[in-house]
Amino acid sequence: MKHSLVRQNIIETASDLFYRKGYNLTGINEIIKETGIAKATLYNHFSSKEEICLAYLTHRNDTFIKDIKIFVYNAPKGKDQLYALFHFLIVFFNKKDFNGCWCLNTIAEIPSENQKIRKKIQDQKEAFISFIKKLLEDNYNQNEDSKNEELARKIYLIYESSIAESKLHQKIWPIQSGLSLCKNILN
């Protein structure tokens, strides 16, 4: 198997395991077993479990951003594109393997001293806030830049809490309530 295909297989396998079972409950040997590769092969691609986790976070985020942008940009222009963020969550929640936000799941498991993983997650979340801000500017630009930033952060907090609470309760109502709150602050 080509070098890049082996690496991708490791990332996809680890992504599934980390998301389903958690970072701490997934061992290197389990990743090796599930991918069907030798330990040396894994270490030719990644020097540590932390490095695999960083690749996992990138992989999940890249897929998420691609999917949510397609979903949101297919909604009618205007507030509907902002509401589509929450409609996307409903689709995400209804998938059989829904287990909340991979970033929040991971950050809850790592020690506070692990700055590499923390920084990766912070960067991804800041980029998502920037995406929300861009949606506001393109679809609801009634504010100066600092107000759009503040509003984007509010929508982001509602969005993140909707994911966390829907995981906790295993119900869709937190997402529906999040959408309702988003509508309230935009009207």
Foldseek 3Di string as FASTA:
>chain_A
DDLVVLLVLLLVLVLVCCLQPNLVVDDPVNSCVVSVHDPVSVCVNPVDSVRSVLSNLVVVLVVVVVVLVVQLVVFDAACRSVLSLLVVVVVLLPDPRQQFDSLVRHVVPDDPPPVVSVVSSVVSLVVQLVVQLVSCCRHPPPDDSVVSSVLSVVLSVLSRVLRVVCNVVVDNVSSVVSSVVNVVVSD
